[in-house]
Amino acid sequence: MLHYNALATFLAVYRTRSLTKAGQMVNLSQPAISIQLRNLEEFFGRPLFVRGRDEVIPTAPARAFAHTLGIAVDKLDDAWDKFTEVKDTVAGPLRIGGHSGILNNFLIPKVDALSKEDITTHLVPGSLRSLVKDFSQGKIDLLISTFLFESQVELAYTEQKFFYEEKYMLVGHPAWAEKFDFSGLSRGDIGVLCQVNWVVFNTQRLFVKEYIEHVFGKHLPLRVVMTFPEASALVRALVAGMGISVLPDFFCRRELESGRLIELCKPIDPPKRSLYVVYNRRSKKIPRIQAAIEQFTPEKA
């Protein structure tokens, strides 16, 4: 099956005779453009372009295909522009995809203001792979991602905006700080980490492995007493005093502010990860999507 994005990319290369200029038109890197062209050539079973000294040169089949395709794509682009122009009201549905932990623990306060504009926000949790597919097919309007898309073939015609830098934190119930001395961690005395109970996010020990390797530069034999498939259950276990763990700050912000959890170590350079909002640069003309994008103002942890 051929997707619109692949056809639009082919047409951009045909019209500009340049992978670099075509990439600027559809917001893809040159390697991503090359991948799409290679996929099209495999689909058609023939070469579409040959490289010249200063430009890429279309083959005869490519010229014939571009002549027919260009009319159809231009008409579709015109129809889309007219459709977005008449959508002058902010009210309407808005679909935002992302990891369930990000949506539930961080995003809700961000989109609360949208309800005052009669925007109905639908949060769509899922894996990155499934969300990228849904986004490319127009099933979601905005994608919240920790991954900066530089060469994703599926995401032509997109823009992305940094809006938050999350910080990984070693946290636990205050009772753990009374039972064990964590003050030595700042001096590199990490033996206490092998003595306490750990509750972790999934069997890969997500967040914990990155934190320990980044802060202490070591692999440790931790005493893991329970794993959890999602972050909210992990936070409840931490509040109940089952063990300690590592989480991004926004997962446990309320618990830290209330004192139900405390940060057990405060490294000078904790692990950090950026969050991005990804959107179709054409769809951002729609007022409710514009309004949503404006809510994602850059913010530091």
C-alpha atoms as a PDB file:
ATOM      1  CA  MET A   1       0.000   0.000   0.000  1.00  0.00           C
ATOM      2  CA  LEU A   2       1.225   3.491  -0.854  1.00  0.00           C
ATOM      3  CA  HIS A   3       0.682   6.239   1.716  1.00  0.00           C
ATOM      4  CA  TYR A   4       0.074   9.877   0.861  1.00  0.00           C
ATOM      5  CA  ASN A   5       3.266  10.926   2.658  1.00  0.00           C
ATOM      6  CA  ALA A   6       5.406   8.723   0.402  1.00  0.00           C
ATOM      7  CA  LEU A   7       3.735  10.101  -2.723  1.00  0.00           C
ATOM      8  CA  ALA A   8       4.103  13.693  -1.524  1.00  0.00           C
ATOM      9  CA  THR A   9       7.781  13.059  -0.824  1.00  0.00           C
ATOM     10  CA  PHE A  10       8.305  11.639  -4.316  1.00  0.00           C
ATOM     11  CA  LEU A  11       6.619  14.692  -5.805  1.00  0.00           C
ATOM     12  CA  ALA A  12       8.756  17.072  -3.717  1.00  0.00           C
ATOM     13  CA  VAL A  13      11.946  15.376  -4.964  1.00  0.00           C
ATOM     14  CA  TYR A  14      10.674  15.474  -8.548  1.00  0.00           C
ATOM     15  CA  ARG A  15       9.882  19.178  -8.381  1.00  0.00           C
ATOM     16  CA  THR A  16      13.002  20.328  -6.539  1.00  0.00           C
ATOM     17  CA  ARG A  17      15.461  17.824  -8.046  1.00  0.00           C
ATOM     18  CA  SER A  18      17.087  17.804  -4.614  1.00  0.00           C
ATOM     19  CA  LEU A  19      16.797  15.525  -1.591  1.00  0.00           C
ATOM     20  CA  THR A  20      17.774  18.383   0.705  1.00  0.00           C
ATOM     21  CA  LYS A  21      15.193  20.823  -0.642  1.00  0.00           C
ATOM     22  CA  ALA A  22      12.542  18.120  -0.738  1.00  0.00           C
ATOM     23  CA  GLY A  23      13.294  17.323   2.886  1.00  0.00           C
ATOM     24  CA  GLN A  24      12.697  20.953   3.805  1.00  0.00           C
ATOM     25  CA  MET A  25       9.335  20.866   2.043  1.00  0.00           C
ATOM     26  CA  VAL A  26       8.050  17.753   3.822  1.00  0.00           C
ATOM     27  CA  ASN A  27      10.070  18.184   7.033  1.00  0.00           C
ATOM     28  CA  LEU A  28      12.114  15.000   6.700  1.00  0.00           C
ATOM     29  CA  SER A  29      15.848  14.377   6.858  1.00  0.00           C
ATOM     30  CA  GLN A  30      17.782  13.360   3.758  1.00  0.00           C
ATOM     31  CA  PRO A  31      18.199   9.743   4.968  1.00  0.00           C
ATOM     32  CA  ALA A  32      14.428   9.496   5.478  1.00  0.00           C
ATOM     33  CA  ILE A  33      13.837  10.836   1.969  1.00  0.00           C
ATOM     34  CA  SER A  34      16.214   8.206   0.575  1.00  0.00           C
ATOM     35  CA  ILE A  35      14.375   5.441   2.435  1.00  0.00           C
ATOM     36  CA  GLN A  36      11.019   6.540   1.065  1.00  0.00           C
ATOM     37  CA  LEU A  37      12.358   6.694  -2.495  1.00  0.00           C
ATOM     38  CA  ARG A  38      13.906   3.257  -2.134  1.00  0.00           C
ATOM     39  CA  ASN A  39      10.598   1.858  -0.872  1.00  0.00           C
ATOM     40  CA  LEU A  40       8.769   3.401  -3.831  1.00  0.00           C
ATOM     41  CA  GLU A  41      11.288   1.967  -6.276  1.00  0.00           C
ATOM     42  CA  GLU A  42      10.852  -1.479  -4.721  1.00  0.00           C
ATOM     43  CA  PHE A  43       7.079  -1.084  -4.975  1.00  0.00           C
ATOM     44  CA  PHE A  44       7.188  -0.100  -8.662  1.00  0.00           C
ATOM     45  CA  GLY A  45      10.042  -2.441  -9.497  1.00  0.00           C
ATOM     46  CA  ARG A  46      12.041   0.198 -11.387  1.00  0.00           C
ATOM     47  CA  PRO A  47      14.351   3.145 -10.625  1.00  0.00           C
ATOM     48  CA  LEU A  48      12.712   6.544 -10.284  1.00  0.00           C
ATOM     49  CA  PHE A  49      15.753   8.830 -10.017  1.00  0.00           C
ATOM     50  CA  VAL A  50      19.424   8.763 -10.867  1.00  0.00           C
ATOM     51  CA  ARG A  51      21.983  10.972  -9.176  1.00  0.00           C
ATOM     52  CA  GLY A  52      23.594  13.686 -11.281  1.00  0.00           C
ATOM     53  CA  ARG A  53      26.438  15.999 -10.303  1.00  0.00           C
ATOM     54  CA  ASP A  54      24.242  18.731  -8.815  1.00  0.00           C
ATOM     55  CA  GLU A  55      20.770  17.195  -8.785  1.00  0.00           C
ATOM     56  CA  VAL A  56      18.733  14.029  -8.899  1.00  0.00           C
ATOM     57  CA  ILE A  57      17.352  13.293 -12.350  1.00  0.00           C
ATOM     58  CA  PRO A  58      13.934  11.611 -12.773  1.00  0.00           C
ATOM     59  CA  THR A  59      13.668   8.604 -15.065  1.00  0.00           C
ATOM     60  CA  ALA A  60      11.043   8.429 -17.809  1.00  0.00           C
ATOM     61  CA  PRO A  61       8.626   6.377 -15.638  1.00  0.00           C
ATOM     62  CA  ALA A  62       9.075   8.912 -12.825  1.00  0.00           C
ATOM     63  CA  ARG A  63       8.224  11.810 -15.136  1.00  0.00           C
ATOM     64  CA  ALA A  64       5.066  10.072 -16.337  1.00  0.00           C
ATOM     65  CA  PHE A  65       4.029   9.204 -12.798  1.00  0.00           C
ATOM     66  CA  ALA A  66       4.732  12.722 -11.524  1.00  0.00           C
ATOM     67  CA  HIS A  67       2.608  14.296 -14.258  1.00  0.00           C
ATOM     68  CA  THR A  68      -0.473  12.345 -13.179  1.00  0.00           C
ATOM     69  CA  LEU A  69       0.303  12.351  -9.481  1.00  0.00           C
ATOM     70  CA  GLY A  70       0.996  16.089  -9.281  1.00  0.00           C
ATOM     71  CA  ILE A  71      -2.522  17.025 -10.333  1.00  0.00           C
ATOM     72  CA  ALA A  72      -4.076  14.724  -7.729  1.00  0.00           C
ATOM     73  CA  VAL A  73      -1.802  15.794  -4.867  1.00  0.00           C
ATOM     74  CA  ASP A  74      -2.234  19.496  -5.626  1.00  0.00           C
ATOM     75  CA  LYS A  75      -6.014  19.109  -5.640  1.00  0.00           C
ATOM     76  CA  LEU A  76      -5.856  17.249  -2.337  1.00  0.00           C
ATOM     77  CA  ASP A  77      -3.648  19.965  -0.818  1.00  0.00           C
ATOM     78  CA  ASP A  78      -6.038  22.675  -2.021  1.00  0.00           C
ATOM     79  CA  ALA A  79      -9.002  20.794  -0.548  1.00  0.00           C
ATOM     80  CA  TRP A  80      -7.208  20.457   2.768  1.00  0.00           C
ATOM     81  CA  ASP A  81      -6.324  24.142   2.889  1.00  0.00           C
ATOM     82  CA  LYS A  82      -9.930  25.124   2.169  1.00  0.00           C
ATOM     83  CA  PHE A  83     -11.196  22.709   4.802  1.00  0.00           C
ATOM     84  CA  THR A  84      -8.905  24.116   7.489  1.00  0.00           C
ATOM     85  CA  GLU A  85      -9.794  27.691   6.563  1.00  0.00           C
ATOM     86  CA  VAL A  86     -13.509  27.165   7.237  1.00  0.00           C
ATOM     87  CA  LYS A  87     -12.792  25.582  10.609  1.00  0.00           C
ATOM     88  CA  ASP A  88     -12.785  28.940  12.401  1.00  0.00           C
ATOM     89  CA  THR A  89     -14.229  27.765  15.723  1.00  0.00           C
ATOM     90  CA  VAL A  90     -12.038  26.450  18.526  1.00  0.00           C
ATOM     91  CA  ALA A  91     -14.614  24.023  19.919  1.00  0.00           C
ATOM     92  CA  GLY A  92     -14.420  20.379  18.921  1.00  0.00           C
ATOM     93  CA  PRO A  93     -12.664  17.092  19.670  1.00  0.00           C
ATOM     94  CA  LEU A  94      -8.906  16.874  20.184  1.00  0.00           C
ATOM     95  CA  ARG A  95      -7.064  13.546  20.282  1.00  0.00           C
ATOM     96  CA  ILE A  96      -3.699  13.427  22.050  1.00  0.00           C
ATOM     97  CA  GLY A  97      -1.590  10.266  22.066  1.00  0.00           C
ATOM     98  CA  GLY A  98       1.248   9.331  24.377  1.00  0.00           C
ATOM     99  CA  HIS A  99       2.510   6.928  27.012  1.00  0.00           C
ATOM    100  CA  SER A 100      -0.174   6.364  29.652  1.00  0.00           C
ATOM    101  CA  GLY A 101       2.085   7.608  32.445  1.00  0.00           C
ATOM    102  CA  ILE A 102       2.776  10.877  30.649  1.00  0.00           C
ATOM    103  CA  LEU A 103      -0.887  11.405  29.812  1.00  0.00           C
ATOM    104  CA  ASN A 104      -2.251  10.591  33.269  1.00  0.00           C
ATOM    105  CA  ASN A 105       0.370  12.185  35.471  1.00  0.00           C
ATOM    106  CA  PHE A 106       1.571  15.170  33.505  1.00  0.00           C
ATOM    107  CA  LEU A 107      -0.663  16.088  30.624  1.00  0.00           C
ATOM    108  CA  ILE A 108      -4.034  16.531  32.331  1.00  0.00           C
ATOM    109  CA  PRO A 109      -3.120  19.877  33.971  1.00  0.00           C
ATOM    110  CA  LYS A 110      -1.801  21.071  30.618  1.00  0.00           C
ATOM    111  CA  VAL A 111      -5.029  20.466  28.757  1.00  0.00           C
ATOM    112  CA  ASP A 112      -7.429  21.473  31.524  1.00  0.00           C
ATOM    113  CA  ALA A 113      -7.516  25.024  30.143  1.00  0.00           C
ATOM    114  CA  LEU A 114      -8.744  23.680  26.793  1.00  0.00           C
ATOM    115  CA  SER A 115     -12.059  22.627  28.323  1.00  0.00           C
ATOM    116  CA  LYS A 116     -12.856  26.304  28.868  1.00  0.00           C
ATOM    117  CA  GLU A 117     -12.747  26.680  25.073  1.00  0.00           C
ATOM    118  CA  ASP A 118     -15.284  23.851  24.614  1.00  0.00           C
ATOM    119  CA  ILE A 119     -12.547  21.547  23.390  1.00  0.00           C
ATOM    120  CA  THR A 120     -13.177  17.905  24.240  1.00  0.00           C
ATOM    121  CA  THR A 121      -9.816  16.228  24.779  1.00  0.00           C
ATOM    122  CA  HIS A 122      -9.480  12.483  24.188  1.00  0.00           C
ATOM    123  CA  LEU A 123      -6.306  10.940  25.634  1.00  0.00           C
ATOM    124  CA  VAL A 124      -5.061   7.957  23.623  1.00  0.00           C
ATOM    125  CA  PRO A 125      -2.450   5.811  25.435  1.00  0.00           C
ATOM    126  CA  GLY A 126      -0.273   3.362  23.576  1.00  0.00           C
ATOM    127  CA  SER A 127       3.206   2.251  22.560  1.00  0.00           C
ATOM    128  CA  LEU A 128       5.379   4.523  20.431  1.00  0.00           C
ATOM    129  CA  ARG A 129       5.004   2.233  17.420  1.00  0.00           C
ATOM    130  CA  SER A 130       1.207   2.136  17.583  1.00  0.00           C
ATOM    131  CA  LEU A 131       0.975   5.875  18.246  1.00  0.00           C
ATOM    132  CA  VAL A 132       3.227   6.730  15.290  1.00  0.00           C
ATOM    133  CA  LYS A 133       0.998   4.595  13.075  1.00  0.00           C
ATOM    134  CA  ASP A 134      -2.166   6.279  14.403  1.00  0.00           C
ATOM    135  CA  PHE A 135      -0.611   9.712  14.011  1.00  0.00           C
ATOM    136  CA  SER A 136       0.483   9.071  10.429  1.00  0.00           C
ATOM    137  CA  GLN A 137      -3.050   7.890   9.618  1.00  0.00           C
ATOM    138  CA  GLY A 138      -4.645  10.960  11.181  1.00  0.00           C
ATOM    139  CA  LYS A 139      -6.272   9.089  14.070  1.00  0.00           C
ATOM    140  CA  ILE A 140      -4.650  11.380  16.646  1.00  0.00           C
ATOM    141  CA  ASP A 141      -3.980  15.114  16.360  1.00  0.00           C
ATOM    142  CA  LEU A 142      -1.007  15.516  18.694  1.00  0.00           C
ATOM    143  CA  LEU A 143       1.649  13.023  19.752  1.00  0.00           C
ATOM    144  CA  ILE A 144       3.565  13.431  23.020  1.00  0.00           C
ATOM    145  CA  SER A 145       6.905  11.714  22.674  1.00  0.00           C
ATOM    146  CA  THR A 146      10.240  11.408  24.424  1.00  0.00           C
ATOM    147  CA  PHE A 147      11.751  10.601  21.036  1.00  0.00           C
ATOM    148  CA  LEU A 148      12.876  13.397  18.732  1.00  0.00           C
ATOM    149  CA  PHE A 149      11.828  12.316  15.247  1.00  0.00           C
ATOM    150  CA  GLU A 150      14.651  13.097  12.855  1.00  0.00           C
ATOM    151  CA  SER A 151      14.341  10.421  10.198  1.00  0.00           C
ATOM    152  CA  GLN A 152      11.013   8.714  10.766  1.00  0.00           C
ATOM    153  CA  VAL A 153       9.677   7.867   7.334  1.00  0.00           C
ATOM    154  CA  GLU A 154       6.107   7.717   8.653  1.00  0.00           C
ATOM    155  CA  LEU A 155       6.109  11.302   9.898  1.00  0.00           C
ATOM    156  CA  ALA A 156       6.371  13.523   6.847  1.00  0.00           C
ATOM    157  CA  TYR A 157       4.719  16.943   7.054  1.00  0.00           C
ATOM    158  CA  THR A 158       5.236  17.125  10.801  1.00  0.00           C
ATOM    159  CA  GLU A 159       6.755  19.587  13.212  1.00  0.00           C
ATOM    160  CA  GLN A 160       7.758  18.986  16.794  1.00  0.00           C
ATOM    161  CA  LYS A 161       8.198  21.302  19.709  1.00  0.00           C
ATOM    162  CA  PHE A 162      10.181  20.789  22.899  1.00  0.00           C
ATOM    163  CA  PHE A 163       8.092  21.605  25.943  1.00  0.00           C
ATOM    164  CA  TYR A 164       9.452  19.805  29.013  1.00  0.00           C
ATOM    165  CA  GLU A 165      12.632  18.339  30.430  1.00  0.00           C
ATOM    166  CA  GLU A 166      11.858  15.615  32.938  1.00  0.00           C
ATOM    167  CA  LYS A 167      14.292  14.688  35.697  1.00  0.00           C
ATOM    168  CA  TYR A 168      14.787  11.182  37.065  1.00  0.00           C
ATOM    169  CA  MET A 169      14.550  11.008  40.858  1.00  0.00           C
ATOM    170  CA  LEU A 170      15.439   8.351  43.450  1.00  0.00           C
ATOM    171  CA  VAL A 171      12.401   8.357  45.746  1.00  0.00           C
ATOM    172  CA  GLY A 172      10.859   6.412  48.604  1.00  0.00           C
ATOM    173  CA  HIS A 173       8.679   6.649  51.689  1.00  0.00           C
ATOM    174  CA  PRO A 174      10.239   8.764  54.502  1.00  0.00           C
ATOM    175  CA  ALA A 175      10.432   5.610  56.634  1.00  0.00           C
ATOM    176  CA  TRP A 176      13.218   4.275  54.407  1.00  0.00           C
ATOM    177  CA  ALA A 177      15.353   7.309  55.224  1.00  0.00           C
ATOM    178  CA  GLU A 178      14.843   6.555  58.925  1.00  0.00           C
ATOM    179  CA  LYS A 179      15.886   2.908  58.563  1.00  0.00           C
ATOM    180  CA  PHE A 180      18.865   3.446  56.247  1.00  0.00           C
ATOM    181  CA  ASP A 181      21.457   6.167  55.792  1.00  0.00           C
ATOM    182  CA  PHE A 182      21.354   7.469  52.225  1.00  0.00           C
ATOM    183  CA  SER A 183      23.631  10.450  52.900  1.00  0.00           C
ATOM    184  CA  GLY A 184      26.676   8.512  51.691  1.00  0.00           C
ATOM    185  CA  LEU A 185      25.309   8.331  48.170  1.00  0.00           C
ATOM    186  CA  SER A 186      26.579  11.834  47.445  1.00  0.00           C
ATOM    187  CA  ARG A 187      30.095  10.624  48.338  1.00  0.00           C
ATOM    188  CA  GLY A 188      29.857   7.488  46.197  1.00  0.00           C
ATOM    189  CA  ASP A 189      29.035   5.123  49.084  1.00  0.00           C
ATOM    190  CA  ILE A 190      26.350   3.125  47.294  1.00  0.00           C
ATOM    191  CA  GLY A 191      26.198  -0.029  49.408  1.00  0.00           C
ATOM    192  CA  VAL A 192      22.854   1.012  50.872  1.00  0.00           C
ATOM    193  CA  LEU A 193      21.231   0.582  47.454  1.00  0.00           C
ATOM    194  CA  CYS A 194      21.900  -3.157  47.651  1.00  0.00           C
ATOM    195  CA  GLN A 195      20.383  -3.448  51.132  1.00  0.00           C
ATOM    196  CA  VAL A 196      16.959  -1.872  50.581  1.00  0.00           C
ATOM    197  CA  ASN A 197      13.908  -3.229  48.781  1.00  0.00           C
ATOM    198  CA  TRP A 198      13.225  -1.999  45.255  1.00  0.00           C
ATOM    199  CA  VAL A 199       9.922  -1.759  43.413  1.00  0.00           C
ATOM    200  CA  VAL A 200      10.440  -1.117  39.725  1.00  0.00           C
ATOM    201  CA  PHE A 201       8.628  -0.272  36.514  1.00  0.00           C
ATOM    202  CA  ASN A 202       8.476  -3.427  34.341  1.00  0.00           C
ATOM    203  CA  THR A 203      10.973  -6.272  34.214  1.00  0.00           C
ATOM    204  CA  GLN A 204      13.529  -4.167  32.334  1.00  0.00           C
ATOM    205  CA  ARG A 205      13.762  -1.935  35.430  1.00  0.00           C
ATOM    206  CA  LEU A 206      12.996   1.139  33.370  1.00  0.00           C
ATOM    207  CA  PHE A 207      14.355   4.400  34.851  1.00  0.00           C
ATOM    208  CA  VAL A 208      16.291   2.552  37.593  1.00  0.00           C
ATOM    209  CA  LYS A 209      19.010   1.190  35.296  1.00  0.00           C
ATOM    210  CA  GLU A 210      19.493   4.538  33.564  1.00  0.00           C
ATOM    211  CA  TYR A 211      19.691   6.402  36.867  1.00  0.00           C
ATOM    212  CA  ILE A 212      22.241   4.127  38.529  1.00  0.00           C
ATOM    213  CA  GLU A 213      24.447   3.937  35.452  1.00  0.00           C
ATOM    214  CA  HIS A 214      24.297   7.707  34.903  1.00  0.00           C
ATOM    215  CA  VAL A 215      24.793   8.821  38.515  1.00  0.00           C
ATOM    216  CA  PHE A 216      27.048   6.082  39.893  1.00  0.00           C
ATOM    217  CA  GLY A 217      28.506   4.526  36.737  1.00  0.00           C
ATOM    218  CA  LYS A 218      27.907   0.978  37.934  1.00  0.00           C
ATOM    219  CA  HIS A 219      25.620  -2.046  37.632  1.00  0.00           C
ATOM    220  CA  LEU A 220      24.288  -3.129  41.018  1.00  0.00           C
ATOM    221  CA  PRO A 221      22.635  -6.366  42.238  1.00  0.00           C
ATOM    222  CA  LEU A 222      19.422  -4.800  43.526  1.00  0.00           C
ATOM    223  CA  ARG A 223      16.879  -6.527  45.739  1.00  0.00           C
ATOM    224  CA  VAL A 224      13.771  -6.176  43.572  1.00  0.00           C
ATOM    225  CA  VAL A 225      10.668  -7.298  45.474  1.00  0.00           C
ATOM    226  CA  MET A 226       8.022  -6.365  42.908  1.00  0.00           C
ATOM    227  CA  THR A 227       7.632  -5.090  39.351  1.00  0.00           C
ATOM    228  CA  PHE A 228       4.702  -3.085  38.026  1.00  0.00           C
ATOM    229  CA  PRO A 229       3.343  -2.772  34.485  1.00  0.00           C
ATOM    230  CA  GLU A 230       2.287   0.862  34.898  1.00  0.00           C
ATOM    231  CA  ALA A 231       3.499   3.860  36.847  1.00  0.00           C
ATOM    232  CA  SER A 232       0.446   4.726  38.964  1.00  0.00           C
ATOM    233  CA  ALA A 233       0.533   1.315  40.686  1.00  0.00           C
ATOM    234  CA  LEU A 234       4.260   1.755  41.280  1.00  0.00           C
ATOM    235  CA  VAL A 235       3.684   5.136  42.915  1.00  0.00           C
ATOM    236  CA  ARG A 236       1.022   3.632  45.205  1.00  0.00           C
ATOM    237  CA  ALA A 237       3.474   0.912  46.229  1.00  0.00           C
ATOM    238  CA  LEU A 238       6.098   3.542  47.030  1.00  0.00           C
ATOM    239  CA  VAL A 239       3.642   5.512  49.168  1.00  0.00           C
ATOM    240  CA  ALA A 240       2.761   2.275  50.986  1.00  0.00           C
ATOM    241  CA  GLY A 241       6.442   1.853  51.867  1.00  0.00           C
ATOM    242  CA  MET A 242       7.080  -1.318  49.872  1.00  0.00           C
ATOM    243  CA  GLY A 243      10.465  -0.113  48.658  1.00  0.00           C
ATOM    244  CA  ILE A 244      12.321   2.621  46.807  1.00  0.00           C
ATOM    245  CA  SER A 245      12.515   3.340  43.090  1.00  0.00           C
ATOM    246  CA  VAL A 246      13.449   5.817  40.363  1.00  0.00           C
ATOM    247  CA  LEU A 247      10.784   7.788  38.508  1.00  0.00           C
ATOM    248  CA  PRO A 248      10.554  10.869  36.300  1.00  0.00           C
ATOM    249  CA  ASP A 249       9.622  13.858  38.449  1.00  0.00           C
ATOM    250  CA  PHE A 250       6.146  14.358  37.030  1.00  0.00           C
ATOM    251  CA  PHE A 251       5.105  10.802  37.924  1.00  0.00           C
ATOM    252  CA  CYS A 252       5.425  11.553  41.633  1.00  0.00           C
ATOM    253  CA  ARG A 253       5.221  15.352  41.862  1.00  0.00           C
ATOM    254  CA  ARG A 254       2.088  15.411  44.044  1.00  0.00           C
ATOM    255  CA  GLU A 255       3.474  12.785  46.417  1.00  0.00           C
ATOM    256  CA  LEU A 256       6.727  14.715  46.827  1.00  0.00           C
ATOM    257  CA  GLU A 257       4.897  17.988  47.480  1.00  0.00           C
ATOM    258  CA  SER A 258       2.706  16.352  50.126  1.00  0.00           C
ATOM    259  CA  GLY A 259       5.626  14.621  51.830  1.00  0.00           C
ATOM    260  CA  ARG A 260       4.318  11.125  51.195  1.00  0.00           C
ATOM    261  CA  LEU A 261       7.520  10.497  49.232  1.00  0.00           C
ATOM    262  CA  ILE A 262      10.946  12.079  49.549  1.00  0.00           C
ATOM    263  CA  GLU A 263      13.959  12.315  47.262  1.00  0.00           C
ATOM    264  CA  LEU A 264      16.659  10.077  48.713  1.00  0.00           C
ATOM    265  CA  CYS A 265      19.562  11.408  46.665  1.00  0.00           C
ATOM    266  CA  LYS A 266      20.108  14.752  44.959  1.00  0.00           C
ATOM    267  CA  PRO A 267      22.894  14.329  42.396  1.00  0.00           C
ATOM    268  CA  ILE A 268      24.390  17.379  40.713  1.00  0.00           C
ATOM    269  CA  ASP A 269      23.666  15.930  37.288  1.00  0.00           C
ATOM    270  CA  PRO A 270      20.602  13.678  37.393  1.00  0.00           C
ATOM    271  CA  PRO A 271      19.465  11.851  34.255  1.00  0.00           C
ATOM    272  CA  LYS A 272      17.099  13.963  32.161  1.00  0.00           C
ATOM    273  CA  ARG A 273      14.872  13.349  29.183  1.00  0.00           C
ATOM    274  CA  SER A 274      13.032  15.767  26.911  1.00  0.00           C
ATOM    275  CA  LEU A 275       9.364  15.640  25.968  1.00  0.00           C
ATOM    276  CA  TYR A 276       8.132  16.847  22.582  1.00  0.00           C
ATOM    277  CA  VAL A 277       4.716  17.589  21.156  1.00  0.00           C
ATOM    278  CA  VAL A 278       4.480  16.366  17.544  1.00  0.00           C
ATOM    279  CA  TYR A 279       1.863  17.697  15.140  1.00  0.00           C
ATOM    280  CA  ASN A 280       1.038  17.906  11.456  1.00  0.00           C
ATOM    281  CA  ARG A 281       2.123  21.310  10.233  1.00  0.00           C
ATOM    282  CA  ARG A 282      -1.012  21.574   8.128  1.00  0.00           C
ATOM    283  CA  SER A 283      -3.342  20.614  10.962  1.00  0.00           C
ATOM    284  CA  LYS A 284      -1.952  23.358  13.183  1.00  0.00           C
ATOM    285  CA  LYS A 285      -4.093  25.777  11.151  1.00  0.00           C
ATOM    286  CA  ILE A 286      -7.116  24.285  12.906  1.00  0.00           C
ATOM    287  CA  PRO A 287      -7.869  26.613  15.867  1.00  0.00           C
ATOM    288  CA  ARG A 288      -8.313  23.926  18.520  1.00  0.00           C
ATOM    289  CA  ILE A 289      -5.006  22.308  17.556  1.00  0.00           C
ATOM    290  CA  GLN A 290      -3.376  25.739  17.573  1.00  0.00           C
ATOM    291  CA  ALA A 291      -4.786  26.332  21.053  1.00  0.00           C
ATOM    292  CA  ALA A 292      -3.472  22.984  22.270  1.00  0.00           C
ATOM    293  CA  ILE A 293       0.020  23.548  20.875  1.00  0.00           C
ATOM    294  CA  GLU A 294       0.165  26.905  22.666  1.00  0.00           C
ATOM    295  CA  GLN A 295      -0.412  25.091  25.968  1.00  0.00           C
ATOM    296  CA  PHE A 296       2.851  23.207  25.518  1.00  0.00           C
ATOM    297  CA  THR A 297       5.171  26.052  26.413  1.00  0.00           C
ATOM    298  CA  PRO A 298       8.806  25.077  27.144  1.00  0.00           C
ATOM    299  CA  GLU A 299       9.254  24.162  30.765  1.00  0.00           C
ATOM    300  CA  LYS A 300      12.247  22.915  32.728  1.00  0.00           C
ATOM    301  CA  ALA A 301      12.102  20.310  35.475  1.00  0.00           C
END
